[in-house]
N, C-alpha and C. Protein backbone atom coordinates (compact mmCIF):
# COMPACT_ATOMS: atom_id res chain seq x y z
N MET A 1 -147.44 46.18 18.75
CA MET A 1 -147.54 47.25 17.91
C MET A 1 -146.59 48.19 17.23
N GLU A 2 -146.25 48.93 17.99
CA GLU A 2 -145.21 49.99 17.78
C GLU A 2 -143.78 49.37 17.57
N SER A 3 -143.62 48.44 18.30
CA SER A 3 -142.32 47.79 17.60
C SER A 3 -142.68 47.22 16.04
N GLU A 4 -143.53 46.70 15.89
CA GLU A 4 -143.72 46.06 14.33
C GLU A 4 -143.57 47.50 13.70
N MET A 5 -144.16 48.57 14.20
CA MET A 5 -144.37 49.89 13.00
C MET A 5 -143.19 50.01 13.01
N LYS A 6 -142.37 50.12 13.67
CA LYS A 6 -140.89 50.50 14.06
C LYS A 6 -140.19 49.66 12.78
N LYS A 7 -140.36 48.24 12.82
CA LYS A 7 -139.49 47.59 11.81
C LYS A 7 -139.81 48.22 10.45
N THR A 8 -141.04 47.98 10.37
CA THR A 8 -141.42 48.45 8.94
C THR A 8 -141.27 49.74 8.43
N GLU A 9 -141.22 50.97 8.99
CA GLU A 9 -140.52 52.25 8.82
C GLU A 9 -138.61 52.11 8.79
N GLN A 10 -138.24 50.91 8.77
CA GLN A 10 -136.93 51.22 8.81
C GLN A 10 -136.31 49.85 7.80
N GLN A 11 -137.23 49.95 6.92
CA GLN A 11 -136.91 48.40 6.22
C GLN A 11 -135.43 48.95 4.91
N LYS A 12 -135.33 47.97 4.62
CA LYS A 12 -134.04 48.45 3.09
C LYS A 12 -134.72 47.66 2.15
N VAL A 13 -135.30 48.36 1.16
CA VAL A 13 -135.75 47.53 -0.28
C VAL A 13 -135.18 47.75 -1.38
N VAL A 14 -134.47 46.69 -2.01
CA VAL A 14 -133.91 46.85 -3.00
C VAL A 14 -134.86 46.77 -4.55
N VAL A 15 -134.28 47.83 -5.15
CA VAL A 15 -135.67 47.90 -6.75
C VAL A 15 -134.21 47.60 -7.32
N ALA A 16 -134.49 46.42 -8.25
CA ALA A 16 -133.73 46.10 -9.37
C ALA A 16 -134.36 47.15 -10.51
N VAL A 17 -133.41 48.17 -11.37
CA VAL A 17 -133.74 49.03 -12.42
C VAL A 17 -133.15 48.78 -13.62
N ASP A 18 -133.49 49.11 -14.79
CA ASP A 18 -133.15 49.46 -15.92
C ASP A 18 -133.71 49.64 -16.97
N GLU A 19 -133.68 49.55 -18.32
CA GLU A 19 -133.86 50.65 -19.33
C GLU A 19 -135.45 50.50 -19.59
N SER A 20 -136.01 49.37 -19.22
CA SER A 20 -137.38 49.06 -19.39
C SER A 20 -138.51 49.65 -18.71
N GLU A 21 -139.34 49.60 -19.16
CA GLU A 21 -140.94 50.27 -18.86
C GLU A 21 -140.94 49.28 -17.46
N GLU A 22 -141.20 47.98 -17.29
CA GLU A 22 -141.14 46.75 -16.54
C GLU A 22 -140.39 47.42 -15.44
N SER A 23 -139.32 47.82 -15.38
CA SER A 23 -138.49 48.22 -13.97
C SER A 23 -138.72 49.34 -13.60
N MET A 24 -139.80 50.42 -14.28
CA MET A 24 -139.86 51.87 -13.78
C MET A 24 -141.29 51.64 -13.36
N TYR A 25 -142.32 50.70 -13.72
CA TYR A 25 -143.57 50.41 -13.27
C TYR A 25 -143.13 49.49 -11.74
N ALA A 26 -142.38 48.65 -11.58
CA ALA A 26 -142.00 47.84 -10.40
C ALA A 26 -141.83 49.21 -9.67
N LEU A 27 -140.55 50.08 -9.64
CA LEU A 27 -140.46 50.95 -8.96
C LEU A 27 -141.60 51.58 -8.05
N SER A 28 -142.70 52.27 -9.46
CA SER A 28 -143.73 52.56 -9.31
C SER A 28 -144.90 52.02 -7.86
N TRP A 29 -144.48 50.73 -8.42
CA TRP A 29 -145.44 49.84 -7.52
C TRP A 29 -144.97 49.50 -6.17
N CYS A 30 -143.73 49.69 -6.16
CA CYS A 30 -142.92 49.48 -5.01
C CYS A 30 -143.21 50.85 -3.54
N LEU A 31 -142.76 51.82 -4.46
CA LEU A 31 -143.07 53.24 -3.61
C LEU A 31 -144.58 53.43 -3.52
N THR A 32 -145.61 52.89 -3.92
CA THR A 32 -146.99 52.85 -3.77
C THR A 32 -147.44 52.35 -2.55
N ASN A 33 -146.92 51.00 -2.42
CA ASN A 33 -146.93 49.68 -1.75
C ASN A 33 -146.29 49.55 -0.49
N PHE A 34 -144.85 50.11 -0.61
CA PHE A 34 -144.36 49.81 0.33
C PHE A 34 -143.86 50.94 1.76
N PHE A 35 -143.84 52.22 1.30
CA PHE A 35 -143.32 52.95 1.83
C PHE A 35 -144.32 53.80 2.32
N PRO A 36 -144.75 53.86 3.69
CA PRO A 36 -145.62 54.80 4.37
C PRO A 36 -145.44 56.60 4.22
N LYS A 37 -145.93 57.47 4.61
CA LYS A 37 -145.20 58.47 4.44
C LYS A 37 -144.38 59.22 4.97
N LYS A 38 -144.53 58.91 6.43
CA LYS A 38 -143.51 59.03 7.09
C LYS A 38 -142.56 57.77 7.08
N THR A 39 -141.51 57.98 7.04
CA THR A 39 -140.69 56.51 7.00
C THR A 39 -138.76 56.68 7.37
N ASN A 40 -138.41 55.57 7.74
CA ASN A 40 -136.96 56.06 7.70
C ASN A 40 -136.40 54.61 7.05
N SER A 41 -137.06 53.97 6.10
CA SER A 41 -136.70 53.24 5.23
C SER A 41 -135.55 53.60 4.22
N THR A 42 -134.97 52.66 3.50
CA THR A 42 -134.03 53.19 2.60
C THR A 42 -134.15 52.33 1.42
N LEU A 43 -134.40 53.44 0.38
CA LEU A 43 -134.61 52.70 -0.90
C LEU A 43 -133.69 52.63 -1.96
N VAL A 44 -132.85 51.50 -2.22
CA VAL A 44 -132.16 51.04 -2.97
C VAL A 44 -131.86 50.97 -4.42
N LEU A 45 -131.81 51.83 -5.58
CA LEU A 45 -131.78 51.72 -6.93
C LEU A 45 -130.77 50.59 -7.37
N LEU A 46 -130.84 49.86 -7.77
CA LEU A 46 -129.58 48.91 -8.62
C LEU A 46 -129.93 49.03 -9.81
N TYR A 47 -128.54 49.17 -10.28
CA TYR A 47 -128.71 49.18 -12.09
C TYR A 47 -127.27 48.17 -12.39
N VAL A 48 -127.39 47.38 -13.13
CA VAL A 48 -126.70 46.34 -13.75
C VAL A 48 -126.05 46.35 -14.88
N LYS A 49 -124.83 46.80 -14.98
CA LYS A 49 -124.48 47.05 -16.10
C LYS A 49 -123.79 45.67 -17.09
N PRO A 50 -124.05 45.62 -18.18
CA PRO A 50 -123.76 44.17 -18.59
C PRO A 50 -121.88 43.81 -18.51
N PRO A 51 -121.67 42.67 -18.47
CA PRO A 51 -119.96 42.66 -18.48
C PRO A 51 -119.38 42.91 -19.79
N PRO A 52 -118.19 43.49 -19.57
CA PRO A 52 -117.29 43.92 -21.05
C PRO A 52 -117.31 42.67 -21.71
N PRO A 53 -117.19 43.04 -23.13
CA PRO A 53 -116.96 42.15 -24.16
C PRO A 53 -115.67 41.66 -23.63
N VAL A 54 -115.22 40.11 -24.22
CA VAL A 54 -114.36 39.41 -23.76
C VAL A 54 -113.63 39.05 -25.27
N HIS A 55 -112.39 40.07 -25.33
CA HIS A 55 -111.44 39.69 -26.86
C HIS A 55 -110.66 38.53 -26.68
N SER A 56 -110.46 37.84 -27.85
CA SER A 56 -109.15 37.01 -27.55
C SER A 56 -107.98 37.70 -28.18
N SER A 57 -107.32 37.23 -27.57
CA SER A 57 -105.92 37.81 -27.96
C SER A 57 -105.44 37.31 -29.56
N PHE A 58 -106.32 36.49 -29.82
CA PHE A 58 -105.72 35.93 -31.11
C PHE A 58 -106.60 36.83 -32.61
N GLU A 59 -107.65 37.74 -32.18
CA GLU A 59 -108.17 38.32 -32.73
C GLU A 59 -107.52 39.68 -33.03
N ALA A 60 -106.95 39.74 -34.33
CA ALA A 60 -105.91 40.66 -34.90
C ALA A 60 -106.89 42.05 -34.61
N ALA A 61 -108.14 41.94 -35.05
CA ALA A 61 -108.76 43.65 -35.28
C ALA A 61 -109.72 43.69 -33.55
N GLY A 62 -109.91 42.40 -32.97
CA GLY A 62 -110.27 42.64 -31.42
C GLY A 62 -109.11 43.57 -30.81
N TYR A 63 -107.52 43.05 -31.01
CA TYR A 63 -106.79 43.67 -30.37
C TYR A 63 -106.51 45.05 -30.85
N MET A 64 -106.33 45.38 -31.83
CA MET A 64 -106.28 46.60 -32.56
C MET A 64 -107.28 47.61 -32.19
N PHE A 65 -108.38 47.24 -32.43
CA PHE A 65 -109.47 48.09 -32.09
C PHE A 65 -110.28 48.17 -30.69
N SER A 66 -109.45 47.24 -29.90
CA SER A 66 -110.36 47.35 -28.30
C SER A 66 -110.17 48.38 -27.63
N ALA A 67 -108.98 48.74 -27.64
CA ALA A 67 -108.92 50.22 -27.00
C ALA A 67 -109.91 51.42 -27.11
N ASP A 68 -110.44 51.53 -28.06
CA ASP A 68 -111.61 52.53 -28.54
C ASP A 68 -112.90 51.83 -28.51
N VAL A 69 -113.08 50.23 -28.64
CA VAL A 69 -114.15 49.77 -28.67
C VAL A 69 -114.58 49.98 -27.12
N ASN A 70 -113.69 49.68 -26.37
CA ASN A 70 -113.74 49.47 -24.71
C ASN A 70 -114.18 50.89 -24.01
N LYS A 71 -113.36 51.78 -24.67
CA LYS A 71 -113.88 53.26 -24.30
C LYS A 71 -115.17 53.41 -24.36
N ALA A 72 -115.82 53.58 -25.76
CA ALA A 72 -116.81 53.65 -26.41
C ALA A 72 -118.17 52.47 -25.56
N MET A 73 -117.72 51.60 -25.32
CA MET A 73 -118.65 50.87 -24.61
C MET A 73 -119.08 51.65 -23.18
N GLU A 74 -117.41 51.79 -22.50
CA GLU A 74 -117.55 52.83 -21.10
C GLU A 74 -118.69 53.92 -21.02
N LYS A 75 -118.41 54.85 -22.40
CA LYS A 75 -119.01 55.76 -22.31
C LYS A 75 -120.73 55.56 -22.43
N TYR A 76 -120.54 54.57 -23.17
CA TYR A 76 -122.11 54.38 -23.61
C TYR A 76 -122.97 53.74 -22.11
N GLY A 77 -121.99 53.12 -21.27
CA GLY A 77 -122.44 52.22 -19.86
C GLY A 77 -122.68 53.64 -19.12
N SER A 78 -121.98 54.43 -18.84
CA SER A 78 -122.09 55.42 -18.31
C SER A 78 -123.29 56.46 -18.68
N GLU A 79 -123.73 56.85 -19.81
CA GLU A 79 -124.46 57.61 -20.41
C GLU A 79 -126.25 56.45 -19.94
N THR A 80 -125.66 55.58 -20.30
CA THR A 80 -127.05 54.37 -20.01
C THR A 80 -127.30 54.39 -18.17
N VAL A 81 -126.29 54.24 -17.27
CA VAL A 81 -126.21 54.29 -15.85
C VAL A 81 -127.01 55.48 -15.54
N ASN A 82 -126.64 56.79 -15.78
CA ASN A 82 -126.88 58.27 -15.60
C ASN A 82 -128.70 58.14 -16.18
N SER A 83 -129.26 57.95 -17.32
CA SER A 83 -130.15 57.68 -17.80
C SER A 83 -131.36 57.16 -17.06
N VAL A 84 -130.70 55.74 -16.71
CA VAL A 84 -131.70 55.23 -15.54
C VAL A 84 -131.68 55.62 -14.49
N MET A 85 -130.72 56.22 -13.69
CA MET A 85 -131.23 56.77 -12.50
C MET A 85 -131.92 58.03 -12.52
N GLN A 86 -131.84 58.58 -13.56
CA GLN A 86 -132.54 59.96 -13.73
C GLN A 86 -134.03 59.47 -13.73
N ARG A 87 -134.49 58.54 -14.72
CA ARG A 87 -135.69 58.15 -14.93
C ARG A 87 -136.56 57.70 -13.56
N ALA A 88 -135.84 56.66 -12.77
CA ALA A 88 -135.98 56.47 -11.61
C ALA A 88 -136.07 57.35 -10.46
N GLU A 89 -134.98 58.56 -10.63
CA GLU A 89 -135.41 59.89 -9.57
C GLU A 89 -136.58 60.31 -9.85
N ALA A 90 -137.16 60.31 -11.21
CA ALA A 90 -138.12 61.22 -11.88
C ALA A 90 -139.24 60.34 -11.08
N VAL A 91 -139.54 59.04 -11.20
CA VAL A 91 -140.43 58.49 -10.61
C VAL A 91 -140.60 58.45 -9.00
N TYR A 92 -139.57 58.58 -8.28
CA TYR A 92 -139.70 58.47 -6.97
C TYR A 92 -139.81 59.94 -6.34
N ARG A 93 -139.43 60.89 -7.17
CA ARG A 93 -140.11 62.54 -7.04
C ARG A 93 -141.52 62.63 -6.93
N ASN A 94 -141.92 61.84 -7.74
CA ASN A 94 -143.77 62.10 -7.70
C ASN A 94 -144.40 61.77 -6.75
N PHE A 95 -143.70 60.77 -5.63
CA PHE A 95 -144.26 60.12 -4.46
C PHE A 95 -144.03 61.53 -3.50
N GLN A 96 -145.17 61.42 -2.30
CA GLN A 96 -145.00 62.24 -1.47
C GLN A 96 -144.14 61.93 -0.27
N THR A 97 -143.17 60.81 -0.29
CA THR A 97 -142.77 60.11 0.73
C THR A 97 -141.21 60.78 0.84
N ALA A 98 -140.98 61.40 2.28
CA ALA A 98 -139.74 61.39 2.28
C ALA A 98 -138.60 60.06 2.92
N ILE A 99 -137.98 60.10 1.83
CA ILE A 99 -137.30 58.62 1.65
C ILE A 99 -135.91 58.74 1.64
N ASN A 100 -135.04 57.51 2.30
CA ASN A 100 -133.47 57.52 2.15
C ASN A 100 -133.50 56.76 1.00
N VAL A 101 -132.31 57.39 -0.38
CA VAL A 101 -132.42 56.71 -1.55
C VAL A 101 -130.88 56.68 -1.67
N GLU A 102 -130.41 55.21 -1.79
CA GLU A 102 -129.21 55.07 -2.26
C GLU A 102 -129.00 54.14 -3.73
N ARG A 103 -127.84 54.55 -4.45
CA ARG A 103 -128.03 54.47 -5.74
C ARG A 103 -126.70 53.27 -5.80
N VAL A 104 -126.86 52.00 -6.25
CA VAL A 104 -125.91 51.34 -6.64
C VAL A 104 -125.35 50.70 -8.04
N VAL A 105 -124.27 50.86 -8.58
CA VAL A 105 -124.41 50.15 -9.60
C VAL A 105 -123.53 49.18 -9.98
N GLY A 106 -124.05 48.19 -10.38
CA GLY A 106 -122.73 46.72 -10.11
C GLY A 106 -122.89 46.30 -11.76
N CYS A 107 -121.77 45.36 -11.87
CA CYS A 107 -121.23 45.07 -13.27
C CYS A 107 -121.17 43.76 -13.27
N GLY A 108 -121.53 43.29 -14.23
CA GLY A 108 -121.55 41.52 -14.45
C GLY A 108 -123.11 40.79 -14.76
N GLU A 109 -123.33 39.96 -14.63
CA GLU A 109 -124.83 39.02 -15.14
C GLU A 109 -125.57 39.51 -13.96
N ALA A 110 -126.99 39.90 -14.47
CA ALA A 110 -127.53 40.69 -13.82
C ALA A 110 -128.20 39.70 -12.66
N LYS A 111 -128.48 38.61 -12.90
CA LYS A 111 -128.89 37.75 -11.76
C LYS A 111 -127.71 37.50 -10.48
N ASP A 112 -126.45 37.21 -10.88
CA ASP A 112 -125.52 36.92 -9.81
C ASP A 112 -125.22 38.55 -9.22
N VAL A 113 -125.30 39.53 -9.94
CA VAL A 113 -124.87 40.66 -9.17
C VAL A 113 -126.32 41.41 -8.48
N ILE A 114 -127.15 41.10 -8.88
CA ILE A 114 -128.35 41.41 -7.88
C ILE A 114 -128.58 40.37 -6.44
N CYS A 115 -128.15 39.28 -6.86
CA CYS A 115 -128.71 38.47 -5.83
C CYS A 115 -127.31 38.69 -4.55
N GLY A 116 -125.93 39.25 -5.36
CA GLY A 116 -125.02 39.48 -4.66
C GLY A 116 -125.32 40.48 -3.69
N VAL A 117 -125.86 41.93 -4.41
CA VAL A 117 -125.93 42.90 -3.64
C VAL A 117 -126.68 43.08 -2.44
N VAL A 118 -128.05 42.20 -2.47
CA VAL A 118 -128.97 42.05 -1.83
C VAL A 118 -128.68 41.21 -0.95
N GLU A 119 -127.79 40.28 -0.78
CA GLU A 119 -126.94 39.73 0.11
C GLU A 119 -126.19 40.37 1.26
N LYS A 120 -125.18 41.15 0.45
CA LYS A 120 -124.17 42.42 0.92
C LYS A 120 -124.88 43.34 1.59
N LEU A 121 -125.99 43.77 1.23
CA LEU A 121 -126.85 45.14 1.84
C LEU A 121 -127.62 44.67 2.74
N LYS A 122 -128.03 43.36 2.94
CA LYS A 122 -128.57 42.61 4.08
C LYS A 122 -130.09 43.28 3.69
N ALA A 123 -130.54 43.29 2.83
CA ALA A 123 -132.01 43.80 2.26
C ALA A 123 -132.94 43.04 2.83
N ASP A 124 -133.89 43.87 3.25
CA ASP A 124 -135.39 42.87 3.50
C ASP A 124 -136.13 42.49 2.51
N THR A 125 -136.33 43.22 1.33
CA THR A 125 -137.27 42.73 0.26
C THR A 125 -136.43 43.13 -1.00
N LEU A 126 -136.31 42.32 -1.94
CA LEU A 126 -136.24 42.61 -3.51
C LEU A 126 -137.23 42.81 -4.20
N VAL A 127 -137.26 44.18 -4.68
CA VAL A 127 -138.48 44.42 -6.04
C VAL A 127 -138.08 44.12 -7.32
N ILE A 128 -138.51 43.72 -8.19
CA ILE A 128 -138.01 43.47 -9.68
C ILE A 128 -139.26 43.17 -10.67
N GLY A 129 -139.17 43.69 -11.33
CA GLY A 129 -139.81 43.75 -12.59
C GLY A 129 -139.96 42.70 -13.55
N SER A 130 -141.31 42.08 -13.96
CA SER A 130 -141.10 40.97 -14.83
C SER A 130 -141.09 41.79 -16.49
N HIS A 131 -140.36 40.88 -16.91
CA HIS A 131 -140.51 41.16 -18.59
C HIS A 131 -141.43 40.45 -19.20
N GLY A 132 -141.90 39.70 -18.40
CA GLY A 132 -143.07 39.00 -19.13
C GLY A 132 -142.78 38.26 -20.27
N TYR A 133 -141.65 37.98 -20.42
CA TYR A 133 -141.08 36.64 -21.65
C TYR A 133 -141.88 35.59 -21.88
N GLY A 134 -141.95 35.10 -23.20
CA GLY A 134 -142.96 33.71 -23.18
C GLY A 134 -142.06 32.63 -23.02
N PHE A 135 -142.40 31.59 -23.13
CA PHE A 135 -141.88 30.18 -22.65
C PHE A 135 -140.61 30.05 -23.57
N ILE A 136 -140.60 30.12 -24.59
CA ILE A 136 -139.35 30.23 -25.51
C ILE A 136 -138.37 31.27 -25.18
N LYS A 137 -138.54 32.64 -25.08
CA LYS A 137 -137.57 33.61 -24.74
C LYS A 137 -136.86 33.30 -23.10
N ARG A 138 -138.04 32.90 -22.27
CA ARG A 138 -137.58 32.57 -21.24
C ARG A 138 -136.40 31.34 -21.25
N VAL A 139 -136.50 30.23 -21.89
CA VAL A 139 -135.74 29.18 -22.14
C VAL A 139 -134.30 29.58 -22.73
N LEU A 140 -134.38 30.68 -23.80
CA LEU A 140 -133.17 31.07 -24.17
C LEU A 140 -132.56 31.87 -23.39
N LEU A 141 -133.43 32.97 -22.53
CA LEU A 141 -132.56 34.41 -21.99
C LEU A 141 -132.29 33.95 -20.51
N GLY A 142 -133.36 33.30 -20.15
CA GLY A 142 -133.42 32.81 -18.70
C GLY A 142 -134.28 33.86 -18.02
N SER A 143 -134.45 33.69 -16.85
CA SER A 143 -135.69 34.52 -16.10
C SER A 143 -134.71 35.31 -14.94
N VAL A 144 -134.20 36.38 -14.95
CA VAL A 144 -133.77 36.84 -13.69
C VAL A 144 -134.27 37.14 -12.46
N SER A 145 -135.73 37.40 -12.61
CA SER A 145 -136.70 37.59 -11.61
C SER A 145 -136.86 36.09 -11.00
N ASP A 146 -136.70 35.06 -12.06
CA ASP A 146 -137.01 33.70 -11.15
C ASP A 146 -135.81 33.21 -10.41
N TYR A 147 -134.75 33.31 -11.16
CA TYR A 147 -133.50 33.16 -10.28
C TYR A 147 -133.25 33.78 -9.42
N CYS A 148 -133.30 34.90 -9.05
CA CYS A 148 -133.43 35.84 -7.80
C CYS A 148 -134.70 35.33 -6.74
N ALA A 149 -135.59 35.23 -7.14
CA ALA A 149 -136.75 34.60 -6.24
C ALA A 149 -135.98 33.13 -5.81
N LYS A 150 -135.23 32.38 -6.39
CA LYS A 150 -134.87 30.83 -5.71
C LYS A 150 -133.35 31.34 -4.88
N HIS A 151 -133.02 32.52 -5.46
CA HIS A 151 -131.45 32.25 -4.46
C HIS A 151 -131.55 33.18 -3.56
N VAL A 152 -131.97 34.49 -3.36
CA VAL A 152 -132.02 35.23 -2.43
C VAL A 152 -132.95 34.87 -1.30
N LYS A 153 -131.98 35.34 0.23
CA LYS A 153 -132.62 35.07 1.65
C LYS A 153 -134.02 35.81 1.95
N CYS A 154 -134.30 36.90 1.17
CA CYS A 154 -135.34 37.55 1.61
C CYS A 154 -136.19 37.87 0.63
N PRO A 155 -137.59 37.88 1.42
CA PRO A 155 -138.59 37.92 0.17
C PRO A 155 -138.55 38.57 -0.80
N VAL A 156 -138.83 38.42 -1.97
CA VAL A 156 -138.95 39.03 -3.48
C VAL A 156 -140.08 39.48 -3.90
N VAL A 157 -140.24 40.12 -4.23
CA VAL A 157 -141.57 40.79 -5.05
C VAL A 157 -141.48 40.87 -6.35
N ILE A 158 -141.97 40.23 -7.58
CA ILE A 158 -141.81 40.21 -9.09
C ILE A 158 -143.40 40.91 -9.18
N VAL A 159 -143.04 41.79 -10.03
CA VAL A 159 -144.14 42.92 -10.36
C VAL A 159 -144.04 42.75 -11.61
N LYS A 160 -145.49 42.14 -12.25
CA LYS A 160 -145.87 42.48 -13.68
C LYS A 160 -146.52 43.65 -13.91
N HIS A 161 -145.99 43.85 -15.30
CA HIS A 161 -146.81 45.29 -15.70
C HIS A 161 -147.84 44.66 -16.01
N PRO A 162 -148.86 46.04 -15.82
CA PRO A 162 -150.47 45.75 -15.71
C PRO A 162 -150.90 45.08 -17.34
N GLU A 163 -149.64 45.91 -18.46
CA GLU A 163 -150.08 45.36 -19.50
C GLU A 163 -149.82 43.73 -20.25
N GLU A 164 -149.13 43.18 -19.48
CA GLU A 164 -148.57 42.24 -19.64
C GLU A 164 -149.56 40.89 -19.64
N LYS A 165 -149.49 40.23 -20.10
CA LYS A 165 -150.66 39.57 -20.62
C LYS A 165 -150.56 37.83 -19.66
């Protein structure tokens, strides 16, 4: 029993966070349900920036303005990362659990980056919020949580927001 408790206390849990309320709810749910008051576990906050836009060399406007656009996009991306991480930190500060927190920022297609980071870190669990897209949006946009559930090797917890139907 003691070795089982030790294992539970040393888990590495990755929580995918983004700008959505669903991801912050998933983080809160994770902190409430996964971490005891005393733990050596690690919470990994993972944010994935979208891939940079690709410009064709044949687009004169894209070529002329790409440096300015890329600089503006990079600044916006950095501000978004900081904003999301600050919101996530505010969520876990409300919990009375002393926990190790790591921040990881990836860039690319969310589903691929999440799966890659989970594998690289040898995570014990992935927690991800569900955006609750209907059938049409899910078909058009795909479901990151469904993809991750099928492709990562660790258990995946998909947390639905209580307001989701």
